[in-house]
Amino acid sequence: MYTYVLQDWITIRGSSTGSGATIIQTQADWLDLSPFQDVFFYIAVSELTGTVNMTFETSPSLDDPSSAGGVSLSLFTPVMTATQFASVPTTVTVVKAPMLSASCPISRYLRWKLTSSSATPWDMTFRVLVAANSPGMG
């Protein structure tokens, strides 16, 4: 198992409408997990206002154009269903995504996405660690 920091402590604030309803991790912080197949996410939340859904997405390419000619070209796909946070958990939340049970196995790049359908502004302070495993790596 190898451990990586997908996101060090950060506070994200969003609004209930427009681009503030969905916030995606900046490309410079995406992880390249090409040699790995099984991943486990360790999510620590220290502060939360509102209800926030956290999704982890994977893609074989860094490209994520919003659209071209009205057709979305994003290759990012959720690894598992979203994890919802409505209050600060008392322990670290663990999300398991082994290759055989993940909605979409890790392609190469990994990022997080926050969404909220809250009618009011929301915010979340969190950190995400990733433990990754690959057969044959010692």
C-alpha atoms as a PDB file:
ATOM      1  CA  MET A   1       0.000   0.000   0.000  1.00  0.00           C
ATOM      2  CA  TYR A   2       1.166   3.483  -0.857  1.00  0.00           C
ATOM      3  CA  THR A   3      -0.277   6.619   0.735  1.00  0.00           C
ATOM      4  CA  TYR A   4      -0.753   9.970  -0.984  1.00  0.00           C
ATOM      5  CA  VAL A   5      -2.241  13.312  -0.026  1.00  0.00           C
ATOM      6  CA  LEU A   6      -5.008  14.046  -2.526  1.00  0.00           C
ATOM      7  CA  GLN A   7      -5.894  17.235  -0.661  1.00  0.00           C
ATOM      8  CA  ASP A   8      -4.180  18.816   2.327  1.00  0.00           C
ATOM      9  CA  TRP A   9      -6.352  20.841   4.725  1.00  0.00           C
ATOM     10  CA  ILE A  10      -8.490  23.306   2.779  1.00  0.00           C
ATOM     11  CA  THR A  11     -11.694  25.265   3.293  1.00  0.00           C
ATOM     12  CA  ILE A  12     -14.038  25.426   0.311  1.00  0.00           C
ATOM     13  CA  ARG A  13     -16.980  27.814   0.212  1.00  0.00           C
ATOM     14  CA  GLY A  14     -19.787  27.684  -2.301  1.00  0.00           C
ATOM     15  CA  SER A  15     -23.113  29.270  -3.059  1.00  0.00           C
ATOM     16  CA  SER A  16     -26.373  27.548  -3.837  1.00  0.00           C
ATOM     17  CA  THR A  17     -26.464  28.646  -7.474  1.00  0.00           C
ATOM     18  CA  GLY A  18     -24.210  28.935 -10.482  1.00  0.00           C
ATOM     19  CA  SER A  19     -20.628  27.724 -10.393  1.00  0.00           C
ATOM     20  CA  GLY A  20     -20.624  27.793  -6.576  1.00  0.00           C
ATOM     21  CA  ALA A  21     -22.915  24.751  -6.451  1.00  0.00           C
ATOM     22  CA  THR A  22     -20.110  22.534  -7.850  1.00  0.00           C
ATOM     23  CA  ILE A  23     -16.417  22.946  -7.080  1.00  0.00           C
ATOM     24  CA  ILE A  24     -13.736  20.739  -8.657  1.00  0.00           C
ATOM     25  CA  GLN A  25     -10.193  20.290  -7.376  1.00  0.00           C
ATOM     26  CA  THR A  26      -7.594  22.253  -9.350  1.00  0.00           C
ATOM     27  CA  GLN A  27      -5.709  20.254 -11.963  1.00  0.00           C
ATOM     28  CA  ALA A  28      -2.310  20.860 -10.342  1.00  0.00           C
ATOM     29  CA  ASP A  29      -3.438  18.750  -7.361  1.00  0.00           C
ATOM     30  CA  TRP A  30      -4.842  15.739  -9.235  1.00  0.00           C
ATOM     31  CA  LEU A  31      -3.078  12.453  -8.532  1.00  0.00           C
ATOM     32  CA  ASP A  32      -1.630  10.214 -11.235  1.00  0.00           C
ATOM     33  CA  LEU A  33      -2.497   6.716 -10.010  1.00  0.00           C
ATOM     34  CA  SER A  34      -1.836   4.829 -13.254  1.00  0.00           C
ATOM     35  CA  PRO A  35      -0.065   1.830 -11.668  1.00  0.00           C
ATOM     36  CA  PHE A  36      -2.777   1.301  -9.037  1.00  0.00           C
ATOM     37  CA  GLN A  37      -6.077  -0.558  -9.050  1.00  0.00           C
ATOM     38  CA  ASP A  38      -7.423  -0.463  -5.478  1.00  0.00           C
ATOM     39  CA  VAL A  39      -7.878   2.842  -3.637  1.00  0.00           C
ATOM     40  CA  PHE A  40      -9.143   3.816  -0.210  1.00  0.00           C
ATOM     41  CA  PHE A  41     -10.051   7.398   0.666  1.00  0.00           C
ATOM     42  CA  TYR A  42      -9.589   8.750   4.195  1.00  0.00           C
ATOM     43  CA  ILE A  43     -11.628  11.939   4.549  1.00  0.00           C
ATOM     44  CA  ALA A  44     -11.155  14.132   7.625  1.00  0.00           C
ATOM     45  CA  VAL A  45     -13.696  16.939   8.058  1.00  0.00           C
ATOM     46  CA  SER A  46     -13.121  19.558  10.749  1.00  0.00           C
ATOM     47  CA  GLU A  47     -15.845  22.094   9.862  1.00  0.00           C
ATOM     48  CA  LEU A  48     -19.028  21.987   7.802  1.00  0.00           C
ATOM     49  CA  THR A  49     -21.935  24.309   7.087  1.00  0.00           C
ATOM     50  CA  GLY A  50     -24.822  22.966   5.013  1.00  0.00           C
ATOM     51  CA  THR A  51     -24.929  19.639   3.205  1.00  0.00           C
ATOM     52  CA  VAL A  52     -22.063  18.752   0.868  1.00  0.00           C
ATOM     53  CA  ASN A  53     -21.569  15.741  -1.411  1.00  0.00           C
ATOM     54  CA  MET A  54     -18.001  14.644  -2.139  1.00  0.00           C
ATOM     55  CA  THR A  55     -17.321  12.610  -5.265  1.00  0.00           C
ATOM     56  CA  PHE A  56     -14.019  11.165  -6.435  1.00  0.00           C
ATOM     57  CA  GLU A  57     -13.588  11.070 -10.204  1.00  0.00           C
ATOM     58  CA  THR A  58     -11.082   9.382 -12.497  1.00  0.00           C
ATOM     59  CA  SER A  59     -10.039   9.911 -16.102  1.00  0.00           C
ATOM     60  CA  PRO A  60      -7.432   8.465 -18.478  1.00  0.00           C
ATOM     61  CA  SER A  61      -6.597  12.004 -19.640  1.00  0.00           C
ATOM     62  CA  LEU A  62      -5.922  15.403 -18.095  1.00  0.00           C
ATOM     63  CA  ASP A  63      -8.307  16.983 -20.587  1.00  0.00           C
ATOM     64  CA  ASP A  64     -11.523  18.300 -19.116  1.00  0.00           C
ATOM     65  CA  PRO A  65     -12.980  20.855 -21.508  1.00  0.00           C
ATOM     66  CA  SER A  66     -16.380  22.102 -20.431  1.00  0.00           C
ATOM     67  CA  SER A  67     -17.870  21.639 -23.879  1.00  0.00           C
ATOM     68  CA  ALA A  68     -17.151  21.804 -27.572  1.00  0.00           C
ATOM     69  CA  GLY A  69     -19.951  22.401 -30.018  1.00  0.00           C
ATOM     70  CA  GLY A  70     -22.492  21.676 -27.274  1.00  0.00           C
ATOM     71  CA  VAL A  71     -21.054  18.208 -26.596  1.00  0.00           C
ATOM     72  CA  SER A  72     -19.357  17.536 -23.276  1.00  0.00           C
ATOM     73  CA  LEU A  73     -15.885  16.052 -23.737  1.00  0.00           C
ATOM     74  CA  SER A  74     -15.072  15.336 -20.112  1.00  0.00           C
ATOM     75  CA  LEU A  75     -13.754  11.829 -19.537  1.00  0.00           C
ATOM     76  CA  PHE A  76     -13.986  12.116 -15.740  1.00  0.00           C
ATOM     77  CA  THR A  77     -16.270   9.478 -14.224  1.00  0.00           C
ATOM     78  CA  PRO A  78     -17.195   8.931 -10.561  1.00  0.00           C
ATOM     79  CA  VAL A  79     -15.223   6.127  -8.898  1.00  0.00           C
ATOM     80  CA  MET A  80     -18.004   5.483  -6.359  1.00  0.00           C
ATOM     81  CA  THR A  81     -21.301   7.100  -5.432  1.00  0.00           C
ATOM     82  CA  ALA A  82     -20.978  10.443  -3.668  1.00  0.00           C
ATOM     83  CA  THR A  83     -20.354  10.595   0.064  1.00  0.00           C
ATOM     84  CA  GLN A  84     -22.740  13.030   1.741  1.00  0.00           C
ATOM     85  CA  PHE A  85     -21.726  15.174   4.692  1.00  0.00           C
ATOM     86  CA  ALA A  86     -24.528  16.877   6.620  1.00  0.00           C
ATOM     87  CA  SER A  87     -22.610  17.230   9.888  1.00  0.00           C
ATOM     88  CA  VAL A  88     -18.999  16.943  10.985  1.00  0.00           C
ATOM     89  CA  PRO A  89     -18.187  13.225  11.426  1.00  0.00           C
ATOM     90  CA  THR A  90     -16.704  12.218  14.782  1.00  0.00           C
ATOM     91  CA  THR A  91     -14.127  10.009  13.044  1.00  0.00           C
ATOM     92  CA  VAL A  92     -12.333   9.912   9.714  1.00  0.00           C
ATOM     93  CA  THR A  93     -14.665   8.738   6.937  1.00  0.00           C
ATOM     94  CA  VAL A  94     -13.263   5.845   4.908  1.00  0.00           C
ATOM     95  CA  VAL A  95     -14.499   5.242   1.355  1.00  0.00           C
ATOM     96  CA  LYS A  96     -13.331   1.988  -0.220  1.00  0.00           C
ATOM     97  CA  ALA A  97     -12.939   1.681  -3.985  1.00  0.00           C
ATOM     98  CA  PRO A  98     -11.275  -1.634  -4.816  1.00  0.00           C
ATOM     99  CA  MET A  99     -11.170  -2.389  -8.543  1.00  0.00           C
ATOM    100  CA  LEU A 100     -13.773  -5.170  -8.413  1.00  0.00           C
ATOM    101  CA  SER A 101     -16.446  -3.143  -6.609  1.00  0.00           C
ATOM    102  CA  ALA A 102     -15.789   0.422  -7.802  1.00  0.00           C
ATOM    103  CA  SER A 103     -18.353   2.026 -10.100  1.00  0.00           C
ATOM    104  CA  CYS A 104     -15.418   2.899 -12.344  1.00  0.00           C
ATOM    105  CA  PRO A 105     -11.927   1.526 -11.591  1.00  0.00           C
ATOM    106  CA  ILE A 106      -9.081   4.031 -11.437  1.00  0.00           C
ATOM    107  CA  SER A 107      -8.140   5.040 -15.001  1.00  0.00           C
ATOM    108  CA  ARG A 108      -5.155   7.259 -14.314  1.00  0.00           C
ATOM    109  CA  TYR A 109      -5.948  10.680 -12.884  1.00  0.00           C
ATOM    110  CA  LEU A 110      -7.929  11.194  -9.696  1.00  0.00           C
ATOM    111  CA  ARG A 111      -9.644  14.315  -8.332  1.00  0.00           C
ATOM    112  CA  TRP A 112     -12.395  15.307  -5.922  1.00  0.00           C
ATOM    113  CA  LYS A 113     -15.586  17.244  -6.653  1.00  0.00           C
ATOM    114  CA  LEU A 114     -17.884  18.939  -4.147  1.00  0.00           C
ATOM    115  CA  THR A 115     -21.548  19.605  -4.875  1.00  0.00           C
ATOM    116  CA  SER A 116     -24.371  20.959  -2.806  1.00  0.00           C
ATOM    117  CA  SER A 117     -28.061  21.453  -3.430  1.00  0.00           C
ATOM    118  CA  SER A 118     -28.372  23.562  -0.286  1.00  0.00           C
ATOM    119  CA  ALA A 119     -30.493  26.697  -0.674  1.00  0.00           C
ATOM    120  CA  THR A 120     -27.919  28.670   1.326  1.00  0.00           C
ATOM    121  CA  PRO A 121     -24.165  29.223   1.036  1.00  0.00           C
ATOM    122  CA  TRP A 122     -22.114  26.281   2.304  1.00  0.00           C
ATOM    123  CA  ASP A 123     -18.551  25.537   3.310  1.00  0.00           C
ATOM    124  CA  MET A 124     -16.405  22.568   4.280  1.00  0.00           C
ATOM    125  CA  THR A 125     -12.923  22.231   5.783  1.00  0.00           C
ATOM    126  CA  PHE A 126     -11.400  18.862   4.957  1.00  0.00           C
ATOM    127  CA  ARG A 127      -8.357  16.776   4.063  1.00  0.00           C
ATOM    128  CA  VAL A 128      -8.213  13.636   1.878  1.00  0.00           C
ATOM    129  CA  LEU A 129      -5.576  10.923   2.027  1.00  0.00           C
ATOM    130  CA  VAL A 130      -5.484   8.063  -0.468  1.00  0.00           C
ATOM    131  CA  ALA A 131      -4.091   4.583   0.143  1.00  0.00           C
ATOM    132  CA  ALA A 132      -3.451   2.802  -3.150  1.00  0.00           C
ATOM    133  CA  ASN A 133      -2.517  -0.785  -3.946  1.00  0.00           C
ATOM    134  CA  SER A 134      -1.236  -2.452  -7.083  1.00  0.00           C
ATOM    135  CA  PRO A 135      -0.355  -6.091  -7.668  1.00  0.00           C
ATOM    136  CA  GLY A 136       3.352  -6.701  -8.078  1.00  0.00           C
ATOM    137  CA  MET A 137       4.485  -3.501  -6.372  1.00  0.00           C
ATOM    138  CA  GLY A 138       6.521  -4.164  -3.269  1.00  0.00           C
END
